[in-house]
PDB file of N, CA and C in Angstrom:
ATOM      1  N   MET A   1      54.721  -0.838  -9.646  1.00  0.00           N
ATOM      2  CA  MET A   1      53.683  -1.691 -10.179  1.00  0.00           C
ATOM      3  C   MET A   1      52.670  -2.055  -9.087  1.00  0.00           C
ATOM      4  N   LYS A   2      53.169  -2.310  -7.886  1.00  0.00           N
ATOM      5  CA  LYS A   2      52.274  -2.646  -6.784  1.00  0.00           C
ATOM      6  C   LYS A   2      51.356  -1.470  -6.462  1.00  0.00           C
ATOM      7  N   LYS A   3      51.878  -0.255  -6.539  1.00  0.00           N
ATOM      8  CA  LYS A   3      51.065   0.927  -6.238  1.00  0.00           C
ATOM      9  C   LYS A   3      49.965   1.085  -7.273  1.00  0.00           C
ATOM     10  N   LEU A   4      50.290   0.846  -8.529  1.00  0.00           N
ATOM     11  CA  LEU A   4      49.300   0.951  -9.590  1.00  0.00           C
ATOM     12  C   LEU A   4      48.204  -0.097  -9.419  1.00  0.00           C
ATOM     13  N   PHE A   5      48.614  -1.331  -9.106  1.00  0.00           N
ATOM     14  CA  PHE A   5      47.646  -2.399  -8.890  1.00  0.00           C
ATOM     15  C   PHE A   5      46.759  -2.089  -7.686  1.00  0.00           C
ATOM     16  N   SER A   6      47.330  -1.596  -6.617  1.00  0.00           N
ATOM     17  CA  SER A   6      46.559  -1.233  -5.419  1.00  0.00           C
ATOM     18  C   SER A   6      45.578  -0.115  -5.729  1.00  0.00           C
ATOM     19  N   LEU A   7      46.022   0.879  -6.463  1.00  0.00           N
ATOM     20  CA  LEU A   7      45.166   2.003  -6.826  1.00  0.00           C
ATOM     21  C   LEU A   7      43.997   1.536  -7.691  1.00  0.00           C
ATOM     22  N   LEU A   8      44.272   0.674  -8.677  1.00  0.00           N
ATOM     23  CA  LEU A   8      43.209   0.140  -9.530  1.00  0.00           C
ATOM     24  C   LEU A   8      42.227  -0.723  -8.722  1.00  0.00           C
ATOM     25  N   SER A   9      42.724  -1.462  -7.762  1.00  0.00           N
ATOM     26  CA  SER A   9      41.858  -2.285  -6.916  1.00  0.00           C
ATOM     27  C   SER A   9      40.938  -1.412  -6.087  1.00  0.00           C
ATOM     28  N   ILE A  10      41.466  -0.364  -5.501  1.00  0.00           N
ATOM     29  CA  ILE A  10      40.658   0.536  -4.680  1.00  0.00           C
ATOM     30  C   ILE A  10      39.596   1.219  -5.533  1.00  0.00           C
ATOM     31  N   ILE A  11      39.973   1.681  -6.705  1.00  0.00           N
ATOM     32  CA  ILE A  11      39.010   2.332  -7.601  1.00  0.00           C
ATOM     33  C   ILE A  11      37.924   1.345  -8.022  1.00  0.00           C
ATOM     34  N   SER A  12      38.282   0.102  -8.297  1.00  0.00           N
ATOM     35  CA  SER A  12      37.302  -0.916  -8.681  1.00  0.00           C
ATOM     36  C   SER A  12      36.322  -1.189  -7.552  1.00  0.00           C
ATOM     37  N   ILE A  13      36.820  -1.300  -6.331  1.00  0.00           N
ATOM     38  CA  ILE A  13      35.956  -1.562  -5.181  1.00  0.00           C
ATOM     39  C   ILE A  13      34.987  -0.406  -4.975  1.00  0.00           C
ATOM     40  N   ILE A  14      35.467   0.809  -5.060  1.00  0.00           N
ATOM     41  CA  ILE A  14      34.607   1.985  -4.892  1.00  0.00           C
ATOM     42  C   ILE A  14      33.558   2.040  -5.988  1.00  0.00           C
ATOM     43  N   ALA A  15      33.944   1.758  -7.214  1.00  0.00           N
ATOM     44  CA  ALA A  15      33.005   1.802  -8.333  1.00  0.00           C
ATOM     45  C   ALA A  15      31.911   0.739  -8.175  1.00  0.00           C
ATOM     46  N   ILE A  16      32.277  -0.454  -7.766  1.00  0.00           N
ATOM     47  CA  ILE A  16      31.304  -1.532  -7.611  1.00  0.00           C
ATOM     48  C   ILE A  16      30.360  -1.232  -6.451  1.00  0.00           C
ATOM     49  N   SER A  17      30.893  -0.731  -5.343  1.00  0.00           N
ATOM     50  CA  SER A  17      30.035  -0.471  -4.180  1.00  0.00           C
ATOM     51  C   SER A  17      29.088   0.703  -4.427  1.00  0.00           C
ATOM     52  N   ASN A  18      29.449   1.647  -5.257  1.00  0.00           N
ATOM     53  CA  ASN A  18      28.570   2.774  -5.565  1.00  0.00           C
ATOM     54  C   ASN A  18      27.461   2.386  -6.537  1.00  0.00           C
ATOM     55  N   CYS A  19      27.656   1.337  -7.296  1.00  0.00           N
ATOM     56  CA  CYS A  19      26.652   0.929  -8.271  1.00  0.00           C
ATOM     57  C   CYS A  19      25.522   0.120  -7.642  1.00  0.00           C
ATOM     58  N   SER A  20      25.776  -0.511  -6.530  1.00  0.00           N
ATOM     59  CA  SER A  20      24.731  -1.325  -5.914  1.00  0.00           C
ATOM     60  C   SER A  20      23.939  -0.492  -4.917  1.00  0.00           C
ATOM     61  N   SER A  21      22.644  -0.718  -4.907  1.00  0.00           N
ATOM     62  CA  SER A  21      21.803  -0.018  -3.950  1.00  0.00           C
ATOM     63  C   SER A  21      20.749  -0.979  -3.416  1.00  0.00           C
ATOM     64  N   ILE A  22      20.342  -0.766  -2.204  1.00  0.00           N
ATOM     65  CA  ILE A  22      19.332  -1.594  -1.576  1.00  0.00           C
ATOM     66  C   ILE A  22      17.971  -0.975  -1.878  1.00  0.00           C
ATOM     67  N   PRO A  23      17.069  -1.743  -2.460  1.00  0.00           N
ATOM     68  CA  PRO A  23      15.752  -1.180  -2.758  1.00  0.00           C
ATOM     69  C   PRO A  23      15.005  -0.857  -1.463  1.00  0.00           C
ATOM     70  N   GLU A  24      14.298   0.265  -1.472  1.00  0.00           N
ATOM     71  CA  GLU A  24      13.559   0.690  -0.292  1.00  0.00           C
ATOM     72  C   GLU A  24      12.231  -0.051  -0.220  1.00  0.00           C
ATOM     73  N   ASN A  25      11.941  -0.600   0.942  1.00  0.00           N
ATOM     74  CA  ASN A  25      10.683  -1.306   1.165  1.00  0.00           C
ATOM     75  C   ASN A  25       9.738  -0.349   1.878  1.00  0.00           C
ATOM     76  N   ASP A  26       8.681   0.051   1.212  1.00  0.00           N
ATOM     77  CA  ASP A  26       7.704   0.960   1.818  1.00  0.00           C
ATOM     78  C   ASP A  26       6.324   0.292   1.885  1.00  0.00           C
ATOM     79  N   ASN A  27       6.330  -1.005   2.149  1.00  0.00           N
ATOM     80  CA  ASN A  27       5.098  -1.767   2.224  1.00  0.00           C
ATOM     81  C   ASN A  27       4.219  -1.236   3.352  1.00  0.00           C
ATOM     82  N   PRO A  28       2.910  -1.131   3.147  1.00  0.00           N
ATOM     83  CA  PRO A  28       2.029  -0.565   4.174  1.00  0.00           C
ATOM     84  C   PRO A  28       1.895  -1.413   5.432  1.00  0.00           C
ATOM     85  N   ILE A  29       2.364  -2.638   5.437  1.00  0.00           N
ATOM     86  CA  ILE A  29       2.256  -3.480   6.631  1.00  0.00           C
ATOM     87  C   ILE A  29       3.348  -3.161   7.659  1.00  0.00           C
ATOM     88  N   LEU A  30       4.362  -2.420   7.259  1.00  0.00           N
ATOM     89  CA  LEU A  30       5.469  -2.123   8.169  1.00  0.00           C
ATOM     90  C   LEU A  30       4.963  -1.410   9.413  1.00  0.00           C
ATOM     91  N   GLY A  31       5.490  -1.789  10.554  1.00  0.00           N
ATOM     92  CA  GLY A  31       5.114  -1.161  11.812  1.00  0.00           C
ATOM     93  C   GLY A  31       4.654  -2.193  12.832  1.00  0.00           C
ATOM     94  N   THR A  32       3.948  -1.714  13.844  1.00  0.00           N
ATOM     95  CA  THR A  32       3.509  -2.560  14.954  1.00  0.00           C
ATOM     96  C   THR A  32       2.004  -2.807  14.871  1.00  0.00           C
ATOM     97  N   TRP A  33       1.619  -4.054  15.019  1.00  0.00           N
ATOM     98  CA  TRP A  33       0.227  -4.484  15.003  1.00  0.00           C
ATOM     99  C   TRP A  33      -0.044  -5.201  16.317  1.00  0.00           C
ATOM    100  N   VAL A  34      -1.210  -4.986  16.895  1.00  0.00           N
ATOM    101  CA  VAL A  34      -1.493  -5.540  18.223  1.00  0.00           C
ATOM    102  C   VAL A  34      -2.864  -6.209  18.282  1.00  0.00           C
ATOM    103  N   LYS A  35      -2.991  -7.088  19.262  1.00  0.00           N
ATOM    104  CA  LYS A  35      -4.265  -7.726  19.583  1.00  0.00           C
ATOM    105  C   LYS A  35      -4.316  -7.847  21.105  1.00  0.00           C
ATOM    106  N   ASN A  36      -5.324  -7.242  21.711  1.00  0.00           N
ATOM    107  CA  ASN A  36      -5.509  -7.283  23.163  1.00  0.00           C
ATOM    108  C   ASN A  36      -6.689  -8.178  23.498  1.00  0.00           C
ATOM    109  N   SER A  37      -6.567  -8.920  24.596  1.00  0.00           N
ATOM    110  CA  SER A  37      -7.679  -9.747  25.038  1.00  0.00           C
ATOM    111  C   SER A  37      -7.714  -9.804  26.561  1.00  0.00           C
ATOM    112  N   LEU A  38      -8.899  -9.995  27.083  1.00  0.00           N
ATOM    113  CA  LEU A  38      -9.132 -10.100  28.518  1.00  0.00           C
ATOM    114  C   LEU A  38      -9.463 -11.547  28.827  1.00  0.00           C
ATOM    115  N   ASN A  39      -8.730 -12.151  29.764  1.00  0.00           N
ATOM    116  CA  ASN A  39      -8.898 -13.555  30.084  1.00  0.00           C
ATOM    117  C   ASN A  39      -9.418 -13.708  31.510  1.00  0.00           C
ATOM    118  N   PRO A  40     -10.724 -13.969  31.686  1.00  0.00           N
ATOM    119  CA  PRO A  40     -11.246 -14.125  33.043  1.00  0.00           C
ATOM    120  C   PRO A  40     -10.792 -15.445  33.665  1.00  0.00           C
ATOM    121  N   ASP A  41     -10.511 -15.418  34.961  1.00  0.00           N
ATOM    122  CA  ASP A  41     -10.144 -16.617  35.713  1.00  0.00           C
ATOM    123  C   ASP A  41     -11.262 -16.874  36.718  1.00  0.00           C
ATOM    124  N   GLU A  42     -12.069 -17.878  36.445  1.00  0.00           N
ATOM    125  CA  GLU A  42     -13.245 -18.147  37.275  1.00  0.00           C
ATOM    126  C   GLU A  42     -12.883 -18.668  38.658  1.00  0.00           C
ATOM    127  N   THR A  43     -11.703 -19.234  38.834  1.00  0.00           N
ATOM    128  CA  THR A  43     -11.339 -19.774  40.147  1.00  0.00           C
ATOM    129  C   THR A  43     -10.968 -18.672  41.131  1.00  0.00           C
ATOM    130  N   THR A  44     -10.408 -17.565  40.641  1.00  0.00           N
ATOM    131  CA  THR A  44      -9.995 -16.483  41.543  1.00  0.00           C
ATOM    132  C   THR A  44     -10.839 -15.225  41.375  1.00  0.00           C
ATOM    133  N   ASN A  45     -11.785 -15.237  40.445  1.00  0.00           N
ATOM    134  CA  ASN A  45     -12.617 -14.069  40.136  1.00  0.00           C
ATOM    135  C   ASN A  45     -11.788 -12.859  39.710  1.00  0.00           C
ATOM    136  N   LYS A  46     -10.627 -13.104  39.183  1.00  0.00           N
ATOM    137  CA  LYS A  46      -9.777 -12.041  38.627  1.00  0.00           C
ATOM    138  C   LYS A  46      -9.618 -12.300  37.143  1.00  0.00           C
ATOM    139  N   SER A  47      -9.130 -11.316  36.451  1.00  0.00           N
ATOM    140  CA  SER A  47      -8.875 -11.504  35.024  1.00  0.00           C
ATOM    141  C   SER A  47      -7.475 -11.003  34.700  1.00  0.00           C
ATOM    142  N   SER A  48      -6.938 -11.551  33.648  1.00  0.00           N
ATOM    143  CA  SER A  48      -5.625 -11.112  33.179  1.00  0.00           C
ATOM    144  C   SER A  48      -5.763 -10.575  31.762  1.00  0.00           C
ATOM    145  N   THR A  49      -4.887  -9.680  31.416  1.00  0.00           N
ATOM    146  CA  THR A  49      -4.892  -9.133  30.055  1.00  0.00           C
ATOM    147  C   THR A  49      -3.728  -9.728  29.281  1.00  0.00           C
ATOM    148  N   THR A  50      -3.998 -10.042  28.045  1.00  0.00           N
ATOM    149  CA  THR A  50      -2.968 -10.560  27.156  1.00  0.00           C
ATOM    150  C   THR A  50      -2.850  -9.615  25.972  1.00  0.00           C
ATOM    151  N   ARG A  51      -1.628  -9.258  25.662  1.00  0.00           N
ATOM    152  CA  ARG A  51      -1.355  -8.382  24.520  1.00  0.00           C
ATOM    153  C   ARG A  51      -0.376  -9.102  23.614  1.00  0.00           C
ATOM    154  N   GLU A  52      -0.771  -9.247  22.350  1.00  0.00           N
ATOM    155  CA  GLU A  52       0.112  -9.831  21.346  1.00  0.00           C
ATOM    156  C   GLU A  52       0.577  -8.715  20.414  1.00  0.00           C
ATOM    157  N   GLU A  53       1.848  -8.720  20.070  1.00  0.00           N
ATOM    158  CA  GLU A  53       2.416  -7.711  19.166  1.00  0.00           C
ATOM    159  C   GLU A  53       3.163  -8.386  18.028  1.00  0.00           C
ATOM    160  N   TRP A  54       2.945  -7.869  16.839  1.00  0.00           N
ATOM    161  CA  TRP A  54       3.691  -8.278  15.656  1.00  0.00           C
ATOM    162  C   TRP A  54       4.377  -7.025  15.141  1.00  0.00           C
ATOM    163  N   ILE A  55       5.689  -7.025  15.104  1.00  0.00           N
ATOM    164  CA  ILE A  55       6.452  -5.867  14.636  1.00  0.00           C
ATOM    165  C   ILE A  55       7.085  -6.247  13.301  1.00  0.00           C
ATOM    166  N   PHE A  56       6.597  -5.627  12.219  1.00  0.00           N
ATOM    167  CA  PHE A  56       7.079  -5.911  10.866  1.00  0.00           C
ATOM    168  C   PHE A  56       8.154  -4.907  10.496  1.00  0.00           C
ATOM    169  N   ASN A  57       9.312  -5.401  10.014  1.00  0.00           N
ATOM    170  CA  ASN A  57      10.345  -4.471   9.551  1.00  0.00           C
ATOM    171  C   ASN A  57      10.540  -4.592   8.048  1.00  0.00           C
ATOM    172  N   ASP A  58      11.385  -3.735   7.504  1.00  0.00           N
ATOM    173  CA  ASP A  58      11.491  -3.601   6.052  1.00  0.00           C
ATOM    174  C   ASP A  58      12.381  -4.629   5.367  1.00  0.00           C
ATOM    175  N   VAL A  59      12.931  -5.565   6.084  1.00  0.00           N
ATOM    176  CA  VAL A  59      13.727  -6.614   5.452  1.00  0.00           C
ATOM    177  C   VAL A  59      13.003  -7.961   5.511  1.00  0.00           C
ATOM    178  N   TYR A  60      11.661  -7.896   5.546  1.00  0.00           N
ATOM    179  CA  TYR A  60      10.792  -9.061   5.521  1.00  0.00           C
ATOM    180  C   TYR A  60      11.000  -9.982   6.723  1.00  0.00           C
ATOM    181  N   LEU A  61      11.338  -9.374   7.851  1.00  0.00           N
ATOM    182  CA  LEU A  61      11.457 -10.081   9.115  1.00  0.00           C
ATOM    183  C   LEU A  61      10.627  -9.355  10.152  1.00  0.00           C
ATOM    184  N   GLY A  62      10.441  -9.975  11.300  1.00  0.00           N
ATOM    185  CA  GLY A  62       9.695  -9.322  12.354  1.00  0.00           C
ATOM    186  C   GLY A  62       9.856 -10.023  13.681  1.00  0.00           C
ATOM    187  N   ARG A  63       9.218  -9.454  14.695  1.00  0.00           N
ATOM    188  CA  ARG A  63       9.267  -9.991  16.050  1.00  0.00           C
ATOM    189  C   ARG A  63       7.843 -10.127  16.567  1.00  0.00           C
ATOM    190  N   TYR A  64       7.525 -11.282  17.124  1.00  0.00           N
ATOM    191  CA  TYR A  64       6.227 -11.533  17.755  1.00  0.00           C
ATOM    192  C   TYR A  64       6.463 -11.595  19.253  1.00  0.00           C
ATOM    193  N   GLN A  65       5.637 -10.869  20.023  1.00  0.00           N
ATOM    194  CA  GLN A  65       5.787 -10.821  21.474  1.00  0.00           C
ATOM    195  C   GLN A  65       4.420 -10.966  22.125  1.00  0.00           C
ATOM    196  N   THR A  66       4.384 -11.656  23.257  1.00  0.00           N
ATOM    197  CA  THR A  66       3.166 -11.797  24.043  1.00  0.00           C
ATOM    198  C   THR A  66       3.427 -11.276  25.450  1.00  0.00           C
ATOM    199  N   TYR A  67       2.516 -10.421  25.913  1.00  0.00           N
ATOM    200  CA  TYR A  67       2.590  -9.873  27.265  1.00  0.00           C
ATOM    201  C   TYR A  67       1.359 -10.338  28.029  1.00  0.00           C
ATOM    202  N   THR A  68       1.550 -10.734  29.279  1.00  0.00           N
ATOM    203  CA  THR A  68       0.444 -11.026  30.174  1.00  0.00           C
ATOM    204  C   THR A  68       0.569 -10.102  31.371  1.00  0.00           C
ATOM    205  N   ASN A  69      -0.463  -9.298  31.580  1.00  0.00           N
ATOM    206  CA  ASN A  69      -0.440  -8.281  32.642  1.00  0.00           C
ATOM    207  C   ASN A  69       0.826  -7.421  32.568  1.00  0.00           C
ATOM    208  N   SER A  70       1.164  -6.979  31.381  1.00  0.00           N
ATOM    209  CA  SER A  70       2.304  -6.095  31.100  1.00  0.00           C
ATOM    210  C   SER A  70       3.669  -6.750  31.292  1.00  0.00           C
ATOM    211  N   ASN A  71       3.721  -8.057  31.478  1.00  0.00           N
ATOM    212  CA  ASN A  71       4.993  -8.771  31.595  1.00  0.00           C
ATOM    213  C   ASN A  71       5.228  -9.588  30.343  1.00  0.00           C
ATOM    214  N   LEU A  72       6.412  -9.441  29.753  1.00  0.00           N
ATOM    215  CA  LEU A  72       6.755 -10.205  28.557  1.00  0.00           C
ATOM    216  C   LEU A  72       6.798 -11.685  28.912  1.00  0.00           C
ATOM    217  N   THR A  73       5.968 -12.487  28.249  1.00  0.00           N
ATOM    218  CA  THR A  73       5.913 -13.917  28.557  1.00  0.00           C
ATOM    219  C   THR A  73       6.437 -14.803  27.427  1.00  0.00           C
ATOM    220  N   TYR A  74       6.477 -14.270  26.207  1.00  0.00           N
ATOM    221  CA  TYR A  74       6.923 -15.086  25.085  1.00  0.00           C
ATOM    222  C   TYR A  74       7.327 -14.175  23.933  1.00  0.00           C
ATOM    223  N   TYR A  75       8.367 -14.564  23.199  1.00  0.00           N
ATOM    224  CA  TYR A  75       8.713 -13.851  21.972  1.00  0.00           C
ATOM    225  C   TYR A  75       9.428 -14.792  21.021  1.00  0.00           C
ATOM    226  N   THR A  76       9.280 -14.498  19.745  1.00  0.00           N
ATOM    227  CA  THR A  76       9.967 -15.241  18.701  1.00  0.00           C
ATOM    228  C   THR A  76      10.043 -14.360  17.460  1.00  0.00           C
ATOM    229  N   ASP A  77      10.876 -14.739  16.534  1.00  0.00           N
ATOM    230  CA  ASP A  77      11.012 -14.002  15.278  1.00  0.00           C
ATOM    231  C   ASP A  77      10.142 -14.655  14.210  1.00  0.00           C
ATOM    232  N   PHE A  78       9.846 -13.881  13.176  1.00  0.00           N
ATOM    233  CA  PHE A  78       9.093 -14.433  12.050  1.00  0.00           C
ATOM    234  C   PHE A  78       9.575 -13.805  10.749  1.00  0.00           C
ATOM    235  N   ARG A  79       9.218 -14.477   9.653  1.00  0.00           N
ATOM    236  CA  ARG A  79       9.438 -13.949   8.299  1.00  0.00           C
ATOM    237  C   ARG A  79       8.078 -13.608   7.738  1.00  0.00           C
ATOM    238  N   TRP A  80       8.059 -12.622   6.857  1.00  0.00           N
ATOM    239  CA  TRP A  80       6.802 -12.305   6.188  1.00  0.00           C
ATOM    240  C   TRP A  80       7.055 -12.060   4.720  1.00  0.00           C
ATOM    241  N   SER A  81       6.029 -12.310   3.930  1.00  0.00           N
ATOM    242  CA  SER A  81       6.097 -12.061   2.491  1.00  0.00           C
ATOM    243  C   SER A  81       4.716 -11.621   2.026  1.00  0.00           C
ATOM    244  N   GLU A  82       4.677 -10.957   0.883  1.00  0.00           N
ATOM    245  CA  GLU A  82       3.422 -10.456   0.341  1.00  0.00           C
ATOM    246  C   GLU A  82       3.267 -10.928  -1.093  1.00  0.00           C
ATOM    247  N   GLU A  83       2.089 -11.454  -1.393  1.00  0.00           N
ATOM    248  CA  GLU A  83       1.797 -11.886  -2.753  1.00  0.00           C
ATOM    249  C   GLU A  83       0.316 -11.655  -3.020  1.00  0.00           C
ATOM    250  N   ASP A  84       0.020 -10.850  -4.021  1.00  0.00           N
ATOM    251  CA  ASP A  84      -1.354 -10.545  -4.426  1.00  0.00           C
ATOM    252  C   ASP A  84      -2.201 -10.005  -3.271  1.00  0.00           C
ATOM    253  N   GLY A  85      -1.605  -9.150  -2.443  1.00  0.00           N
ATOM    254  CA  GLY A  85      -2.347  -8.527  -1.351  1.00  0.00           C
ATOM    255  C   GLY A  85      -2.521  -9.394  -0.122  1.00  0.00           C
ATOM    256  N   LYS A  86      -1.976 -10.585  -0.140  1.00  0.00           N
ATOM    257  CA  LYS A  86      -2.044 -11.489   1.020  1.00  0.00           C
ATOM    258  C   LYS A  86      -0.650 -11.602   1.625  1.00  0.00           C
ATOM    259  N   TYR A  87      -0.615 -11.514   2.949  1.00  0.00           N
ATOM    260  CA  TYR A  87       0.653 -11.564   3.679  1.00  0.00           C
ATOM    261  C   TYR A  87       0.777 -12.899   4.396  1.00  0.00           C
ATOM    262  N   SER A  88       1.870 -13.597   4.125  1.00  0.00           N
ATOM    263  CA  SER A  88       2.158 -14.858   4.811  1.00  0.00           C
ATOM    264  C   SER A  88       3.131 -14.563   5.940  1.00  0.00           C
ATOM    265  N   ILE A  89       2.757 -14.977   7.144  1.00  0.00           N
ATOM    266  CA  ILE A  89       3.605 -14.807   8.315  1.00  0.00           C
ATOM    267  C   ILE A  89       4.060 -16.197   8.739  1.00  0.00           C
ATOM    268  N   THR A  90       5.370 -16.429   8.688  1.00  0.00           N
ATOM    269  CA  THR A  90       5.941 -17.732   8.990  1.00  0.00           C
ATOM    270  C   THR A  90       6.826 -17.609  10.222  1.00  0.00           C
ATOM    271  N   PHE A  91       6.460 -18.331  11.267  1.00  0.00           N
ATOM    272  CA  PHE A  91       7.195 -18.273  12.529  1.00  0.00           C
ATOM    273  C   PHE A  91       8.272 -19.344  12.563  1.00  0.00           C
ATOM    274  N   GLY A  92       9.352 -19.058  13.265  1.00  0.00           N
ATOM    275  CA  GLY A  92      10.436 -20.014  13.403  1.00  0.00           C
ATOM    276  C   GLY A  92      10.233 -20.962  14.565  1.00  0.00           C
ATOM    277  N   ASP A  93       9.123 -20.833  15.281  1.00  0.00           N
ATOM    278  CA  ASP A  93       8.856 -21.629  16.473  1.00  0.00           C
ATOM    279  C   ASP A  93       7.544 -22.381  16.275  1.00  0.00           C
ATOM    280  N   ASP A  94       7.515 -23.647  16.660  1.00  0.00           N
ATOM    281  CA  ASP A  94       6.312 -24.463  16.491  1.00  0.00           C
ATOM    282  C   ASP A  94       5.196 -24.091  17.454  1.00  0.00           C
ATOM    283  N   GLN A  95       5.467 -23.277  18.474  1.00  0.00           N
ATOM    284  CA  GLN A  95       4.422 -22.885  19.430  1.00  0.00           C
ATOM    285  C   GLN A  95       3.426 -21.912  18.803  1.00  0.00           C
ATOM    286  N   VAL A  96       3.809 -21.279  17.703  1.00  0.00           N
ATOM    287  CA  VAL A  96       2.953 -20.305  17.048  1.00  0.00           C
ATOM    288  C   VAL A  96       2.627 -20.814  15.650  1.00  0.00           C
ATOM    289  N   THR A  97       1.367 -20.723  15.272  1.00  0.00           N
ATOM    290  CA  THR A  97       0.913 -21.217  13.977  1.00  0.00           C
ATOM    291  C   THR A  97       1.131 -20.161  12.898  1.00  0.00           C
ATOM    292  N   ASP A  98       1.660 -20.594  11.759  1.00  0.00           N
ATOM    293  CA  ASP A  98       1.809 -19.699  10.616  1.00  0.00           C
ATOM    294  C   ASP A  98       0.430 -19.228  10.168  1.00  0.00           C
ATOM    295  N   VAL A  99       0.378 -18.038   9.583  1.00  0.00           N
ATOM    296  CA  VAL A  99      -0.925 -17.457   9.255  1.00  0.00           C
ATOM    297  C   VAL A  99      -0.825 -16.651   7.960  1.00  0.00           C
ATOM    298  N   ILE A 100      -1.965 -16.528   7.271  1.00  0.00           N
ATOM    299  CA  ILE A 100      -2.074 -15.675   6.083  1.00  0.00           C
ATOM    300  C   ILE A 100      -3.127 -14.626   6.385  1.00  0.00           C
ATOM    301  N   VAL A 101      -2.768 -13.359   6.202  1.00  0.00           N
ATOM    302  CA  VAL A 101      -3.680 -12.249   6.501  1.00  0.00           C
ATOM    303  C   VAL A 101      -3.716 -11.290   5.314  1.00  0.00           C
ATOM    304  N   SER A 102      -4.712 -10.405   5.336  1.00  0.00           N
ATOM    305  CA  SER A 102      -4.782  -9.344   4.338  1.00  0.00           C
ATOM    306  C   SER A 102      -4.935  -8.018   5.063  1.00  0.00           C
ATOM    307  N   LEU A 103      -4.407  -6.967   4.476  1.00  0.00           N
ATOM    308  CA  LEU A 103      -4.434  -5.635   5.062  1.00  0.00           C
ATOM    309  C   LEU A 103      -5.682  -4.902   4.573  1.00  0.00           C
ATOM    310  N   GLN A 104      -6.438  -4.345   5.518  1.00  0.00           N
ATOM    311  CA  GLN A 104      -7.618  -3.560   5.183  1.00  0.00           C
ATOM    312  C   GLN A 104      -7.373  -2.134   5.641  1.00  0.00           C
ATOM    313  N   GLU A 105      -6.890  -1.310   4.704  1.00  0.00           N
ATOM    314  CA  GLU A 105      -6.516   0.065   5.018  1.00  0.00           C
ATOM    315  C   GLU A 105      -7.711   1.002   5.119  1.00  0.00           C
ATOM    316  N   SER A 106      -8.864   0.594   4.605  1.00  0.00           N
ATOM    317  CA  SER A 106     -10.016   1.489   4.595  1.00  0.00           C
ATOM    318  C   SER A 106     -10.638   1.640   5.984  1.00  0.00           C
ATOM    319  N   ASN A 107     -10.336   0.728   6.878  1.00  0.00           N
ATOM    320  CA  ASN A 107     -10.872   0.801   8.237  1.00  0.00           C
ATOM    321  C   ASN A 107     -10.045   1.762   9.074  1.00  0.00           C
ATOM    322  N   ASP A 108     -10.661   2.286  10.136  1.00  0.00           N
ATOM    323  CA  ASP A 108      -9.923   3.139  11.068  1.00  0.00           C
ATOM    324  C   ASP A 108     -10.135   2.591  12.469  1.00  0.00           C
ATOM    325  N   PRO A 109      -9.200   1.934  13.070  1.00  0.00           N
ATOM    326  CA  PRO A 109      -7.816   1.778  12.630  1.00  0.00           C
ATOM    327  C   PRO A 109      -7.690   0.686  11.560  1.00  0.00           C
ATOM    328  N   GLU A 110      -6.555   0.710  10.890  1.00  0.00           N
ATOM    329  CA  GLU A 110      -6.286  -0.314   9.883  1.00  0.00           C
ATOM    330  C   GLU A 110      -6.232  -1.668  10.572  1.00  0.00           C
ATOM    331  N   ILE A 111      -6.690  -2.699   9.857  1.00  0.00           N
ATOM    332  CA  ILE A 111      -6.672  -4.030  10.449  1.00  0.00           C
ATOM    333  C   ILE A 111      -6.013  -5.036   9.521  1.00  0.00           C
ATOM    334  N   LEU A 112      -5.487  -6.078  10.144  1.00  0.00           N
ATOM    335  CA  LEU A 112      -5.073  -7.274   9.433  1.00  0.00           C
ATOM    336  C   LEU A 112      -6.181  -8.288   9.653  1.00  0.00           C
ATOM    337  N   ALA A 113      -6.714  -8.824   8.575  1.00  0.00           N
ATOM    338  CA  ALA A 113      -7.838  -9.761   8.666  1.00  0.00           C
ATOM    339  C   ALA A 113      -7.401 -11.145   8.207  1.00  0.00           C
ATOM    340  N   LEU A 114      -7.949 -12.143   8.868  1.00  0.00           N
ATOM    341  CA  LEU A 114      -7.726 -13.521   8.447  1.00  0.00           C
ATOM    342  C   LEU A 114      -8.513 -13.795   7.171  1.00  0.00           C
ATOM    343  N   GLU A 115      -8.283 -14.944   6.578  1.00  0.00           N
ATOM    344  CA  GLU A 115      -8.967 -15.274   5.329  1.00  0.00           C
ATOM    345  C   GLU A 115     -10.479 -15.368   5.493  1.00  0.00           C
ATOM    346  N   ASN A 116     -10.959 -15.682   6.703  1.00  0.00           N
ATOM    347  CA  ASN A 116     -12.400 -15.764   6.932  1.00  0.00           C
ATOM    348  C   ASN A 116     -13.009 -14.392   7.262  1.00  0.00           C
ATOM    349  N   GLY A 117     -12.180 -13.340   7.279  1.00  0.00           N
ATOM    350  CA  GLY A 117     -12.670 -11.986   7.506  1.00  0.00           C
ATOM    351  C   GLY A 117     -12.570 -11.490   8.937  1.00  0.00           C
ATOM    352  N   SER A 118     -12.250 -12.372   9.880  1.00  0.00           N
ATOM    353  CA  SER A 118     -12.160 -11.942  11.278  1.00  0.00           C
ATOM    354  C   SER A 118     -10.869 -11.155  11.510  1.00  0.00           C
ATOM    355  N   VAL A 119     -10.912 -10.281  12.512  1.00  0.00           N
ATOM    356  CA  VAL A 119      -9.773  -9.408  12.801  1.00  0.00           C
ATOM    357  C   VAL A 119      -8.641 -10.207  13.432  1.00  0.00           C
ATOM    358  N   PHE A 120      -7.476 -10.085  12.855  1.00  0.00           N
ATOM    359  CA  PHE A 120      -6.275 -10.734  13.379  1.00  0.00           C
ATOM    360  C   PHE A 120      -5.527  -9.780  14.296  1.00  0.00           C
ATOM    361  N   ALA A 121      -5.344  -8.520  13.850  1.00  0.00           N
ATOM    362  CA  ALA A 121      -4.636  -7.504  14.633  1.00  0.00           C
ATOM    363  C   ALA A 121      -4.993  -6.130  14.084  1.00  0.00           C
ATOM    364  N   THR A 122      -4.759  -5.096  14.903  1.00  0.00           N
ATOM    365  CA  THR A 122      -4.980  -3.706  14.488  1.00  0.00           C
ATOM    366  C   THR A 122      -3.667  -2.955  14.563  1.00  0.00           C
ATOM    367  N   ARG A 123      -3.569  -1.926  13.740  1.00  0.00           N
ATOM    368  CA  ARG A 123      -2.346  -1.110  13.740  1.00  0.00           C
ATOM    369  C   ARG A 123      -2.297  -0.277  15.003  1.00  0.00           C
ATOM    370  N   GLU A 124      -1.120  -0.225  15.572  1.00  0.00           N
ATOM    371  CA  GLU A 124      -0.932   0.607  16.769  1.00  0.00           C
ATOM    372  C   GLU A 124      -0.445   1.980  16.385  1.00  0.00           C
TER     373      GLU A 124
END
């Protein structure tokens, strides 16, 4: 009787696990988006470069990273969601402000634009 019960349990587990599937996320925002800026320092007559990266993955999470002169200076995780063509990016850290952007695929390179139309980031 124990063997029969064990066999039925194993068959039930296999049947249930084969019926469930994870939907594939093929959203066009997936990937790495960047924003580069040059920061002049008037006291030393030198400038530093700042690179911000947003890496969007397919489980509606991502990583935000900031580099100064090619050195990682800050990083945090974020959540993202899409509704009516607008993407909400919500950071888990108060140092970074949450933002709503839209994807403009017609440009080359593709850009993420803020609600006022200014460029937020470009696809890498």
